[in-house]
Amino acid sequence: MPFPTTSTTLLRDLGANAQSPRWAELVARYRPALLSFLSAKFPSLADAADDLVQETFLALAKRLPDYRHAPDEKGHFRAYLAGILRFLAVDELRRRARADAALAGAADLAAADRAAEGEARAWRHAAYEVALSQYLADPSVQTRTKEIFRRVALGGERPEDVAAAYGLTRNAVDQIRARATRSLRERAAALADEEAKE
């Protein structure tokens, strides 16, 4: 199920008043999409889906007073909301892995550690996805730069072909990709640091 269109008025009202009756409107609007997202991405957490979605809204309530809806600068609200849910889901998987490891004993600790590392990779991937959406929406980045990065890094096109299409050298295309990749790493690291401070 696709995420609904974001109402800036709704977000502004909720950010100004944590007790607003409009919370019911936001929950009704986004809950089905969040449940669908969780079912698709984390099917093993079906038994905790309602709790995780509820925790997502609770976390949002704490952050919303400081949230500024600026899709062109920070990415879409739906990505922000899905990012919160994704982090909570990964944390739940990590908690379950730790609980399973305690029950299974020392022989299974190595497997639990591998699972935890996989979940950490999942969170890093989630942070990268948000960073990518922010980068592609950043008005300070030239459209041509985004197009070249999208074609080479995301589309898998040969740098030589893309360079020829834009009248550039292969080296220029490589530099564009390198700068964009560095920007994405920095943005993802900033997201991770921000989450760690919560």
Protein backbone atom coordinates (compact mmCIF):
# COMPACT_ATOMS: atom_id res chain seq x y z
CA MET A 1 0.00 0.00 0.00
CA PRO A 2 1.49 3.39 -0.97
CA PHE A 3 2.00 6.04 1.67
CA PRO A 4 -0.64 8.80 1.63
CA THR A 5 -0.01 12.39 0.68
CA THR A 6 1.42 14.45 3.53
CA SER A 7 -0.67 17.30 4.93
CA THR A 8 1.62 20.10 6.07
CA THR A 9 -1.26 21.66 7.99
CA LEU A 10 -1.81 18.42 9.88
CA LEU A 11 1.87 18.12 10.77
CA ARG A 12 2.01 21.74 11.89
CA ASP A 13 -1.07 21.33 14.11
CA LEU A 14 0.29 18.17 15.74
CA GLY A 15 3.74 19.65 16.24
CA ALA A 16 2.18 22.63 18.04
CA ASN A 17 -0.13 20.57 20.25
CA ALA A 18 0.76 17.06 21.43
CA GLN A 19 -2.79 16.66 22.76
CA SER A 20 -4.44 17.60 19.47
CA PRO A 21 -7.47 15.49 18.50
CA ARG A 22 -6.03 15.44 14.98
CA TRP A 23 -3.67 12.63 16.05
CA ALA A 24 -6.52 10.27 15.28
CA GLU A 25 -6.55 11.65 11.74
CA LEU A 26 -2.83 11.08 11.28
CA VAL A 27 -3.00 7.56 12.72
CA ALA A 28 -5.95 6.66 10.49
CA ARG A 29 -4.13 8.06 7.47
CA TYR A 30 -0.75 6.38 7.95
CA ARG A 31 -1.40 3.23 10.01
CA PRO A 32 -2.49 0.99 7.07
CA ALA A 33 0.55 1.99 5.01
CA LEU A 34 2.90 1.40 7.94
CA LEU A 35 1.42 -2.05 8.58
CA SER A 36 1.76 -2.89 4.89
CA PHE A 37 5.37 -1.66 4.88
CA LEU A 38 6.18 -3.76 7.95
CA SER A 39 4.54 -6.85 6.48
CA ALA A 40 6.57 -6.51 3.27
CA LYS A 41 9.94 -5.67 4.83
CA PHE A 42 9.80 -7.57 8.14
CA PRO A 43 7.33 -10.48 7.79
CA SER A 44 8.81 -12.24 10.84
CA LEU A 45 7.50 -9.42 13.02
CA ALA A 46 3.84 -9.92 12.15
CA ASP A 47 3.04 -10.75 15.78
CA ALA A 48 4.44 -7.37 16.90
CA ALA A 49 3.17 -5.23 14.01
CA ASP A 50 0.51 -3.32 15.97
CA ASP A 51 2.91 -2.56 18.82
CA LEU A 52 5.66 -1.41 16.48
CA VAL A 53 3.35 0.91 14.57
CA GLN A 54 2.06 2.32 17.88
CA GLU A 55 5.66 2.89 19.03
CA THR A 56 6.33 4.65 15.73
CA PHE A 57 3.58 7.17 16.43
CA LEU A 58 4.80 7.64 20.02
CA ALA A 59 8.32 8.31 18.75
CA LEU A 60 6.92 10.70 16.16
CA ALA A 61 5.02 12.61 18.86
CA LYS A 62 8.33 13.33 20.63
CA ARG A 63 10.06 14.46 17.44
CA LEU A 64 7.28 16.34 15.69
CA PRO A 65 7.70 19.68 17.53
CA ASP A 66 11.20 19.92 16.01
CA TYR A 67 10.29 18.43 12.64
CA ARG A 68 10.31 20.77 9.64
CA HIS A 69 8.53 19.50 6.55
CA ALA A 70 10.90 20.35 3.70
CA PRO A 71 10.77 17.54 1.11
CA ASP A 72 13.22 19.27 -1.22
CA GLU A 73 15.82 19.57 1.53
CA LYS A 74 15.24 16.69 3.93
CA GLY A 75 13.23 14.15 1.98
CA HIS A 76 9.57 13.25 2.24
CA PHE A 77 7.69 12.81 5.51
CA ARG A 78 6.74 9.28 4.46
CA ALA A 79 10.43 8.34 4.29
CA TYR A 80 10.98 9.94 7.69
CA LEU A 81 8.07 7.99 9.20
CA ALA A 82 9.09 4.73 7.52
CA GLY A 83 12.62 5.29 8.81
CA ILE A 84 11.36 5.44 12.39
CA LEU A 85 9.39 2.22 11.91
CA ARG A 86 12.34 0.51 10.21
CA PHE A 87 14.63 1.42 13.11
CA LEU A 88 12.13 0.09 15.67
CA ALA A 89 11.70 -3.13 13.69
CA VAL A 90 15.45 -3.71 13.49
CA ASP A 91 15.74 -2.99 17.20
CA GLU A 92 13.01 -5.57 17.89
CA LEU A 93 14.84 -8.13 15.77
CA ARG A 94 18.00 -7.38 17.71
CA ARG A 95 16.16 -7.78 21.02
CA ARG A 96 14.74 -11.10 19.89
CA ALA A 97 18.15 -12.27 18.75
CA ARG A 98 19.56 -11.47 22.17
CA ALA A 99 16.68 -13.27 23.90
CA ASP A 100 17.07 -16.29 21.64
CA ALA A 101 20.79 -16.32 22.31
CA ALA A 102 20.21 -16.33 26.06
CA LEU A 103 17.84 -19.27 25.73
CA ALA A 104 19.95 -21.17 23.27
CA GLY A 105 23.13 -20.91 25.30
CA ALA A 106 26.74 -20.27 24.44
CA ALA A 107 26.72 -22.52 21.37
CA ASP A 108 24.29 -20.21 19.56
CA LEU A 109 25.84 -16.87 20.54
CA ALA A 110 27.92 -16.67 17.38
CA ALA A 111 24.82 -17.09 15.23
CA ALA A 112 23.03 -14.37 17.21
CA ASP A 113 25.99 -12.05 16.71
CA ARG A 114 25.79 -12.64 12.96
CA ALA A 115 22.07 -11.89 13.06
CA ALA A 116 22.71 -8.68 14.99
CA GLU A 117 25.31 -7.65 12.43
CA GLY A 118 22.78 -8.31 9.68
CA GLU A 119 20.28 -6.07 11.46
CA ALA A 120 22.92 -3.37 11.83
CA ARG A 121 23.52 -3.61 8.08
CA ALA A 122 19.76 -3.29 7.57
CA TRP A 123 19.73 -0.07 9.60
CA ARG A 124 22.72 1.30 7.70
CA HIS A 125 20.91 0.48 4.47
CA ALA A 126 17.79 2.27 5.77
CA ALA A 127 19.87 5.34 6.64
CA TYR A 128 21.39 5.22 3.15
CA GLU A 129 17.93 5.11 1.56
CA VAL A 130 16.85 8.22 3.47
CA ALA A 131 20.16 9.93 2.64
CA LEU A 132 19.68 9.08 -1.04
CA SER A 133 16.19 10.58 -1.11
CA GLN A 134 17.55 13.73 0.58
CA TYR A 135 20.42 13.98 -1.91
CA LEU A 136 18.18 13.58 -4.96
CA ALA A 137 15.80 16.22 -3.57
CA ASP A 138 18.57 18.67 -2.59
CA PRO A 139 18.12 21.84 -4.68
CA SER A 140 21.76 22.81 -4.11
CA VAL A 141 22.89 19.82 -6.19
CA GLN A 142 22.77 20.43 -9.95
CA THR A 143 20.18 18.44 -11.87
CA ARG A 144 22.81 17.20 -14.31
CA THR A 145 24.95 15.94 -11.42
CA LYS A 146 21.99 13.99 -10.02
CA GLU A 147 21.19 12.55 -13.44
CA ILE A 148 24.76 11.39 -13.99
CA PHE A 149 24.94 9.83 -10.53
CA ARG A 150 21.57 8.15 -11.01
CA ARG A 151 22.59 6.66 -14.36
CA VAL A 152 26.04 5.44 -13.30
CA ALA A 153 25.59 4.49 -9.63
CA LEU A 154 21.92 3.51 -9.57
CA GLY A 155 21.24 2.54 -13.16
CA GLY A 156 24.46 0.62 -13.69
CA GLU A 157 25.29 2.33 -16.96
CA ARG A 158 28.91 2.34 -18.14
CA PRO A 159 30.71 5.57 -17.12
CA GLU A 160 32.11 5.88 -20.63
CA ASP A 161 28.62 5.85 -22.15
CA VAL A 162 27.30 8.42 -19.67
CA ALA A 163 30.34 10.62 -20.20
CA ALA A 164 29.75 10.56 -23.96
CA ALA A 165 26.06 11.40 -23.50
CA TYR A 166 26.93 14.55 -21.55
CA GLY A 167 30.05 15.53 -23.46
CA LEU A 168 32.30 14.85 -20.47
CA THR A 169 35.43 12.84 -19.87
CA ARG A 170 35.34 9.51 -18.07
CA ASN A 171 37.36 11.12 -15.27
CA ALA A 172 34.75 13.88 -14.81
CA VAL A 173 31.99 11.28 -14.46
CA ASP A 174 34.08 9.32 -11.96
CA GLN A 175 34.61 12.48 -9.90
CA ILE A 176 30.88 13.25 -9.92
CA ARG A 177 30.10 9.74 -8.71
CA ALA A 178 32.80 9.93 -6.03
CA ARG A 179 31.55 13.29 -4.71
CA ALA A 180 27.95 12.07 -4.65
CA THR A 181 28.93 8.86 -2.87
CA ARG A 182 30.89 10.84 -0.28
CA SER A 183 27.89 13.13 0.28
CA LEU A 184 25.60 10.13 0.75
CA ARG A 185 27.98 8.57 3.28
CA GLU A 186 28.12 11.82 5.24
CA ARG A 187 24.34 12.22 5.19
CA ALA A 188 23.79 8.61 6.29
CA ALA A 189 26.35 8.99 9.09
CA ALA A 190 24.61 12.16 10.26
CA LEU A 191 21.28 10.30 10.35
CA ALA A 192 22.84 7.49 12.37
CA ASP A 193 24.41 9.97 14.80
CA GLU A 194 21.10 11.79 15.16
CA GLU A 195 19.32 8.51 15.91
CA ALA A 196 21.96 7.53 18.49
CA LYS A 197 21.35 10.78 20.37
CA GLU A 198 17.59 10.14 20.67
